[in-house]
Amino acid sequence: MFDEQQHVLRHWEREFDLLRPNKNRAGNRVYTERDLRVLRVLKVLLREQHKTTAEVRQILANGIPESLEPIASDTSIEQRYAEKRRNAIRNTPLHSSEDAIVLSRKDAEALLATLRRLEELLGDNSQ
């Protein structure tokens, strides 16, 4: 959702007391809306405003300040980073047969439907 690797999220959990996701029975982290609010603030402060970990820790020492509430509530942050990630995947050239394209099920089904339609339109020229 935030275009961060798993090890970065774990690092943020260690660095910032506000970020403490629960774990389900399988040991997977379950992020609550409260955690997502914290992640939005962390993402903006660390990645967009380029603040240091120490600066952010000081800012968040007593919780999310009122001045950062608009960021904490801004769900478009996830959408912006999800779109950025999708565009990066789309624009990444393939270099070898070992490279893979990652598609959502919906996109894969749409691609298959398009290929089938092209086969219908062009006919079977393989004979």
N, C-alpha and C. Protein backbone atom coordinates (compact mmCIF):
# COMPACT_ATOMS: atom_id res chain seq x y z
N MET A 1 0.81 -1.21 0.00
CA MET A 1 0.00 0.00 0.00
C MET A 1 0.85 1.27 0.00
N PHE A 2 1.98 1.20 0.65
CA PHE A 2 2.81 2.39 0.79
C PHE A 2 4.11 2.31 -0.01
N ASP A 3 4.22 1.27 -0.84
CA ASP A 3 5.39 1.09 -1.69
C ASP A 3 6.68 1.08 -0.86
N GLU A 4 6.65 0.32 0.20
CA GLU A 4 7.83 0.13 1.05
C GLU A 4 8.08 -1.37 1.19
N GLN A 5 9.33 -1.73 1.24
CA GLN A 5 9.66 -3.13 1.41
C GLN A 5 9.40 -3.55 2.86
N GLN A 6 9.21 -4.84 3.02
CA GLN A 6 8.87 -5.39 4.33
C GLN A 6 9.90 -5.03 5.40
N HIS A 7 11.18 -5.09 5.05
CA HIS A 7 12.20 -4.80 6.06
C HIS A 7 12.14 -3.34 6.52
N VAL A 8 11.69 -2.45 5.64
CA VAL A 8 11.56 -1.03 6.02
C VAL A 8 10.43 -0.88 7.04
N LEU A 9 9.30 -1.55 6.79
CA LEU A 9 8.19 -1.49 7.74
C LEU A 9 8.61 -2.05 9.10
N ARG A 10 9.37 -3.13 9.10
CA ARG A 10 9.84 -3.72 10.37
C ARG A 10 10.77 -2.74 11.10
N HIS A 11 11.62 -2.08 10.31
CA HIS A 11 12.53 -1.09 10.90
C HIS A 11 11.72 0.04 11.53
N TRP A 12 10.69 0.51 10.83
CA TRP A 12 9.86 1.58 11.38
C TRP A 12 9.16 1.12 12.65
N GLU A 13 8.76 -0.14 12.72
CA GLU A 13 8.14 -0.67 13.94
C GLU A 13 9.11 -0.59 15.12
N ARG A 14 10.37 -0.87 14.84
CA ARG A 14 11.38 -0.81 15.91
C ARG A 14 11.68 0.63 16.32
N GLU A 15 11.65 1.54 15.37
CA GLU A 15 12.03 2.93 15.62
C GLU A 15 10.94 3.78 16.24
N PHE A 16 9.68 3.47 15.91
CA PHE A 16 8.58 4.35 16.31
C PHE A 16 7.56 3.58 17.14
N ASP A 17 7.43 3.98 18.39
CA ASP A 17 6.53 3.29 19.32
C ASP A 17 5.07 3.34 18.88
N LEU A 18 4.69 4.34 18.10
CA LEU A 18 3.30 4.46 17.66
C LEU A 18 2.89 3.35 16.70
N LEU A 19 3.86 2.77 16.00
CA LEU A 19 3.55 1.74 15.01
C LEU A 19 3.74 0.36 15.64
N ARG A 20 2.62 -0.24 16.02
CA ARG A 20 2.64 -1.55 16.65
C ARG A 20 1.48 -2.39 16.12
N PRO A 21 1.61 -2.92 14.90
CA PRO A 21 0.51 -3.73 14.36
C PRO A 21 0.35 -5.04 15.14
N ASN A 22 -0.87 -5.49 15.25
CA ASN A 22 -1.14 -6.78 15.87
C ASN A 22 -0.77 -7.88 14.88
N LYS A 23 -0.66 -9.10 15.41
CA LYS A 23 -0.40 -10.25 14.55
C LYS A 23 -1.56 -11.21 14.66
N ASN A 24 -1.89 -11.84 13.54
CA ASN A 24 -2.95 -12.85 13.58
C ASN A 24 -2.37 -14.19 14.02
N ARG A 25 -3.18 -15.22 14.03
CA ARG A 25 -2.73 -16.53 14.52
C ARG A 25 -1.59 -17.09 13.69
N ALA A 26 -1.52 -16.71 12.43
CA ALA A 26 -0.45 -17.20 11.55
C ALA A 26 0.83 -16.37 11.70
N GLY A 27 0.77 -15.33 12.53
CA GLY A 27 1.94 -14.48 12.74
C GLY A 27 2.06 -13.33 11.75
N ASN A 28 1.07 -13.16 10.89
CA ASN A 28 1.08 -12.05 9.93
C ASN A 28 0.60 -10.77 10.59
N ARG A 29 1.22 -9.68 10.23
CA ARG A 29 0.81 -8.40 10.79
C ARG A 29 -0.54 -7.97 10.23
N VAL A 30 -1.35 -7.42 11.11
CA VAL A 30 -2.66 -6.91 10.73
C VAL A 30 -2.66 -5.43 11.10
N TYR A 31 -2.68 -4.60 10.08
CA TYR A 31 -2.62 -3.16 10.29
C TYR A 31 -4.01 -2.60 10.49
N THR A 32 -4.20 -1.92 11.60
CA THR A 32 -5.48 -1.28 11.89
C THR A 32 -5.51 0.10 11.24
N GLU A 33 -6.65 0.75 11.29
CA GLU A 33 -6.74 2.11 10.76
C GLU A 33 -5.77 3.03 11.50
N ARG A 34 -5.59 2.80 12.79
CA ARG A 34 -4.64 3.59 13.57
C ARG A 34 -3.23 3.41 13.02
N ASP A 35 -2.84 2.16 12.71
CA ASP A 35 -1.52 1.89 12.14
C ASP A 35 -1.37 2.57 10.78
N LEU A 36 -2.42 2.54 9.97
CA LEU A 36 -2.36 3.16 8.65
C LEU A 36 -2.19 4.67 8.77
N ARG A 37 -2.82 5.27 9.78
CA ARG A 37 -2.65 6.70 10.01
C ARG A 37 -1.20 7.02 10.33
N VAL A 38 -0.59 6.17 11.17
CA VAL A 38 0.82 6.36 11.53
C VAL A 38 1.70 6.18 10.29
N LEU A 39 1.42 5.15 9.50
CA LEU A 39 2.21 4.91 8.29
C LEU A 39 2.12 6.07 7.31
N ARG A 40 0.95 6.66 7.17
CA ARG A 40 0.81 7.82 6.28
C ARG A 40 1.73 8.96 6.73
N VAL A 41 1.72 9.21 8.03
CA VAL A 41 2.56 10.29 8.58
C VAL A 41 4.03 9.95 8.39
N LEU A 42 4.41 8.71 8.69
CA LEU A 42 5.81 8.31 8.52
C LEU A 42 6.24 8.45 7.07
N LYS A 43 5.42 7.99 6.16
CA LYS A 43 5.76 8.05 4.74
C LYS A 43 6.00 9.48 4.29
N VAL A 44 5.11 10.38 4.68
CA VAL A 44 5.25 11.78 4.26
C VAL A 44 6.46 12.43 4.92
N LEU A 45 6.61 12.24 6.23
CA LEU A 45 7.72 12.90 6.93
C LEU A 45 9.08 12.35 6.49
N LEU A 46 9.19 11.02 6.39
CA LEU A 46 10.49 10.42 6.07
C LEU A 46 10.82 10.48 4.58
N ARG A 47 9.86 10.17 3.75
CA ARG A 47 10.14 10.05 2.31
C ARG A 47 9.91 11.34 1.52
N GLU A 48 8.88 12.08 1.87
CA GLU A 48 8.57 13.28 1.09
C GLU A 48 9.21 14.54 1.68
N GLN A 49 9.22 14.63 3.00
CA GLN A 49 9.82 15.81 3.63
C GLN A 49 11.27 15.56 4.05
N HIS A 50 11.75 14.34 3.86
CA HIS A 50 13.15 13.96 4.10
C HIS A 50 13.63 14.27 5.52
N LYS A 51 12.75 14.07 6.48
CA LYS A 51 13.14 14.26 7.88
C LYS A 51 13.91 13.03 8.35
N THR A 52 14.75 13.21 9.33
CA THR A 52 15.51 12.10 9.88
C THR A 52 14.64 11.29 10.84
N THR A 53 15.07 10.09 11.14
CA THR A 53 14.36 9.25 12.10
C THR A 53 14.26 9.95 13.44
N ALA A 54 15.34 10.57 13.87
CA ALA A 54 15.34 11.28 15.16
C ALA A 54 14.34 12.43 15.15
N GLU A 55 14.28 13.18 14.06
CA GLU A 55 13.32 14.29 13.97
C GLU A 55 11.89 13.78 14.04
N VAL A 56 11.61 12.69 13.32
CA VAL A 56 10.26 12.14 13.31
C VAL A 56 9.91 11.57 14.68
N ARG A 57 10.86 10.91 15.32
CA ARG A 57 10.61 10.36 16.65
C ARG A 57 10.23 11.49 17.61
N GLN A 58 10.90 12.62 17.49
CA GLN A 58 10.61 13.77 18.36
C GLN A 58 9.22 14.34 18.03
N ILE A 59 8.89 14.44 16.74
CA ILE A 59 7.59 14.98 16.33
C ILE A 59 6.46 14.10 16.87
N LEU A 60 6.67 12.77 16.85
CA LEU A 60 5.62 11.83 17.24
C LEU A 60 5.73 11.37 18.69
N ALA A 61 6.55 12.04 19.49
CA ALA A 61 6.79 11.62 20.88
C ALA A 61 5.50 11.52 21.69
N ASN A 62 4.55 12.39 21.43
CA ASN A 62 3.29 12.40 22.17
C ASN A 62 2.10 12.03 21.29
N GLY A 63 2.34 11.22 20.27
CA GLY A 63 1.27 10.86 19.34
C GLY A 63 1.33 11.73 18.11
N ILE A 64 0.36 11.55 17.25
CA ILE A 64 0.31 12.35 16.03
C ILE A 64 -0.20 13.74 16.39
N PRO A 65 0.61 14.77 16.15
CA PRO A 65 0.16 16.13 16.49
C PRO A 65 -1.01 16.57 15.61
N GLU A 66 -1.80 17.46 16.15
CA GLU A 66 -2.98 17.96 15.43
C GLU A 66 -2.61 18.53 14.07
N SER A 67 -1.44 19.13 13.96
CA SER A 67 -1.02 19.72 12.69
C SER A 67 -0.81 18.66 11.59
N LEU A 68 -0.60 17.40 11.99
CA LEU A 68 -0.40 16.32 11.02
C LEU A 68 -1.64 15.47 10.80
N GLU A 69 -2.74 15.82 11.45
CA GLU A 69 -3.98 15.06 11.27
C GLU A 69 -4.45 15.01 9.81
N PRO A 70 -4.32 16.10 9.05
CA PRO A 70 -4.73 16.00 7.64
C PRO A 70 -3.94 14.93 6.87
N ILE A 71 -2.68 14.78 7.17
CA ILE A 71 -1.86 13.74 6.53
C ILE A 71 -2.31 12.37 7.01
N ALA A 72 -2.51 12.23 8.31
CA ALA A 72 -2.91 10.94 8.88
C ALA A 72 -4.22 10.44 8.30
N SER A 73 -5.10 11.36 7.94
CA SER A 73 -6.42 11.00 7.42
C SER A 73 -6.49 10.91 5.90
N ASP A 74 -5.41 11.26 5.22
CA ASP A 74 -5.41 11.36 3.76
C ASP A 74 -5.17 9.99 3.10
N THR A 75 -6.26 9.29 2.79
CA THR A 75 -6.14 7.96 2.19
C THR A 75 -5.63 8.02 0.75
N SER A 76 -5.58 9.19 0.17
CA SER A 76 -5.04 9.29 -1.20
C SER A 76 -3.54 9.00 -1.22
N ILE A 77 -2.89 9.03 -0.07
CA ILE A 77 -1.46 8.72 -0.01
C ILE A 77 -1.23 7.28 -0.47
N GLU A 78 -2.02 6.34 0.03
CA GLU A 78 -1.88 4.95 -0.40
C GLU A 78 -2.16 4.82 -1.89
N GLN A 79 -3.19 5.52 -2.36
CA GLN A 79 -3.55 5.45 -3.77
C GLN A 79 -2.43 5.99 -4.65
N ARG A 80 -1.81 7.07 -4.20
CA ARG A 80 -0.72 7.68 -4.96
C ARG A 80 0.46 6.73 -5.08
N TYR A 81 0.82 6.07 -3.97
CA TYR A 81 1.95 5.15 -4.01
C TYR A 81 1.62 3.85 -4.73
N ALA A 82 0.38 3.41 -4.64
CA ALA A 82 -0.04 2.21 -5.39
C ALA A 82 0.04 2.50 -6.89
N GLU A 83 -0.40 3.68 -7.30
CA GLU A 83 -0.32 4.05 -8.72
C GLU A 83 1.13 4.17 -9.16
N LYS A 84 1.97 4.74 -8.31
CA LYS A 84 3.39 4.86 -8.63
C LYS A 84 4.00 3.47 -8.83
N ARG A 85 3.65 2.53 -7.97
CA ARG A 85 4.17 1.16 -8.06
C ARG A 85 3.67 0.49 -9.34
N ARG A 86 2.38 0.65 -9.66
CA ARG A 86 1.83 0.07 -10.89
C ARG A 86 2.53 0.63 -12.12
N ASN A 87 2.77 1.93 -12.14
CA ASN A 87 3.46 2.55 -13.28
C ASN A 87 4.89 2.04 -13.39
N ALA A 88 5.56 1.88 -12.28
CA ALA A 88 6.93 1.37 -12.31
C ALA A 88 6.97 -0.05 -12.88
N ILE A 89 6.00 -0.86 -12.49
CA ILE A 89 5.94 -2.23 -13.01
C ILE A 89 5.66 -2.21 -14.50
N ARG A 90 4.72 -1.39 -14.92
CA ARG A 90 4.37 -1.30 -16.34
C ARG A 90 5.54 -0.82 -17.19
N ASN A 91 6.35 0.08 -16.64
CA ASN A 91 7.42 0.70 -17.42
C ASN A 91 8.76 -0.01 -17.28
N THR A 92 8.80 -1.11 -16.55
CA THR A 92 10.04 -1.84 -16.39
C THR A 92 10.23 -2.76 -17.59
N PRO A 93 11.31 -2.56 -18.35
CA PRO A 93 11.52 -3.43 -19.52
C PRO A 93 11.96 -4.82 -19.08
N LEU A 94 11.58 -5.81 -19.87
CA LEU A 94 12.02 -7.17 -19.62
C LEU A 94 13.37 -7.37 -20.29
N HIS A 95 14.29 -8.01 -19.58
CA HIS A 95 15.64 -8.18 -20.11
C HIS A 95 15.97 -9.61 -20.50
N SER A 96 15.25 -10.56 -19.97
CA SER A 96 15.53 -11.94 -20.32
C SER A 96 14.28 -12.78 -20.12
N SER A 97 14.37 -14.02 -20.54
CA SER A 97 13.22 -14.90 -20.39
C SER A 97 12.94 -15.22 -18.93
N GLU A 98 13.88 -14.92 -18.04
CA GLU A 98 13.68 -15.17 -16.61
C GLU A 98 12.89 -14.06 -15.94
N ASP A 99 12.80 -12.90 -16.60
CA ASP A 99 12.01 -11.81 -16.03
C ASP A 99 10.54 -12.18 -16.07
N ALA A 100 9.80 -11.62 -15.17
CA ALA A 100 8.37 -11.92 -15.10
C ALA A 100 7.58 -10.63 -15.05
N ILE A 101 6.37 -10.72 -15.53
CA ILE A 101 5.44 -9.60 -15.43
C ILE A 101 4.43 -9.96 -14.35
N VAL A 102 4.22 -9.06 -13.42
CA VAL A 102 3.27 -9.30 -12.35
C VAL A 102 1.98 -8.57 -12.70
N LEU A 103 0.90 -9.34 -12.77
CA LEU A 103 -0.41 -8.78 -13.08
C LEU A 103 -1.40 -9.18 -12.01
N SER A 104 -2.35 -8.33 -11.77
CA SER A 104 -3.45 -8.72 -10.90
C SER A 104 -4.29 -9.73 -11.67
N ARG A 105 -5.11 -10.48 -10.97
CA ARG A 105 -5.98 -11.45 -11.63
C ARG A 105 -6.87 -10.74 -12.66
N LYS A 106 -7.40 -9.59 -12.28
CA LYS A 106 -8.28 -8.84 -13.18
C LYS A 106 -7.54 -8.45 -14.46
N ASP A 107 -6.31 -7.92 -14.31
CA ASP A 107 -5.53 -7.53 -15.48
C ASP A 107 -5.15 -8.73 -16.34
N ALA A 108 -4.81 -9.85 -15.69
CA ALA A 108 -4.45 -11.06 -16.43
C ALA A 108 -5.64 -11.58 -17.22
N GLU A 109 -6.81 -11.59 -16.61
CA GLU A 109 -8.01 -12.05 -17.31
C GLU A 109 -8.35 -11.13 -18.48
N ALA A 110 -8.17 -9.84 -18.29
CA ALA A 110 -8.43 -8.89 -19.38
C ALA A 110 -7.44 -9.12 -20.53
N LEU A 111 -6.19 -9.36 -20.19
CA LEU A 111 -5.18 -9.63 -21.21
C LEU A 111 -5.50 -10.91 -21.97
N LEU A 112 -5.87 -11.95 -21.26
CA LEU A 112 -6.24 -13.21 -21.91
C LEU A 112 -7.46 -13.03 -22.82
N ALA A 113 -8.43 -12.29 -22.37
CA ALA A 113 -9.62 -12.04 -23.18
C ALA A 113 -9.24 -11.30 -24.46
N THR A 114 -8.35 -10.34 -24.36
CA THR A 114 -7.89 -9.59 -25.53
C THR A 114 -7.15 -10.50 -26.50
N LEU A 115 -6.29 -11.36 -25.97
CA LEU A 115 -5.56 -12.29 -26.83
C LEU A 115 -6.50 -13.26 -27.53
N ARG A 116 -7.49 -13.75 -26.81
CA ARG A 116 -8.48 -14.65 -27.43
C ARG A 116 -9.24 -13.93 -28.55
N ARG A 117 -9.61 -12.69 -28.29
CA ARG A 117 -10.34 -11.91 -29.29
C ARG A 117 -9.47 -11.69 -30.52
N LEU A 118 -8.18 -11.42 -30.33
CA LEU A 118 -7.27 -11.25 -31.46
C LEU A 118 -7.16 -12.54 -32.27
N GLU A 119 -7.08 -13.67 -31.58
CA GLU A 119 -7.04 -14.96 -32.28
C GLU A 119 -8.30 -15.16 -33.12
N GLU A 120 -9.44 -14.79 -32.57
CA GLU A 120 -10.70 -14.90 -33.31
C GLU A 120 -10.69 -14.02 -34.55
N LEU A 121 -10.21 -12.79 -34.40
CA LEU A 121 -10.22 -11.85 -35.51
C LEU A 121 -9.21 -12.24 -36.60
N LEU A 122 -8.04 -12.73 -36.18
CA LEU A 122 -7.00 -13.06 -37.14
C LEU A 122 -7.12 -14.48 -37.70
N GLY A 123 -7.87 -15.30 -37.01
CA GLY A 123 -7.99 -16.69 -37.45
C GLY A 123 -6.75 -17.48 -37.06
N ASP A 124 -6.80 -18.75 -37.25
CA ASP A 124 -5.68 -19.63 -36.89
C ASP A 124 -4.77 -19.77 -38.09
N ASN A 125 -3.64 -19.07 -38.09
CA ASN A 125 -2.68 -19.11 -39.20
C ASN A 125 -1.53 -20.07 -38.94
N SER A 126 -1.64 -20.88 -37.91
CA SER A 126 -0.54 -21.77 -37.55
C SER A 126 -0.47 -23.01 -38.40
N GLN A 127 -1.45 -23.28 -39.27
CA GLN A 127 -1.44 -24.51 -40.07
C GLN A 127 -0.73 -24.34 -41.36
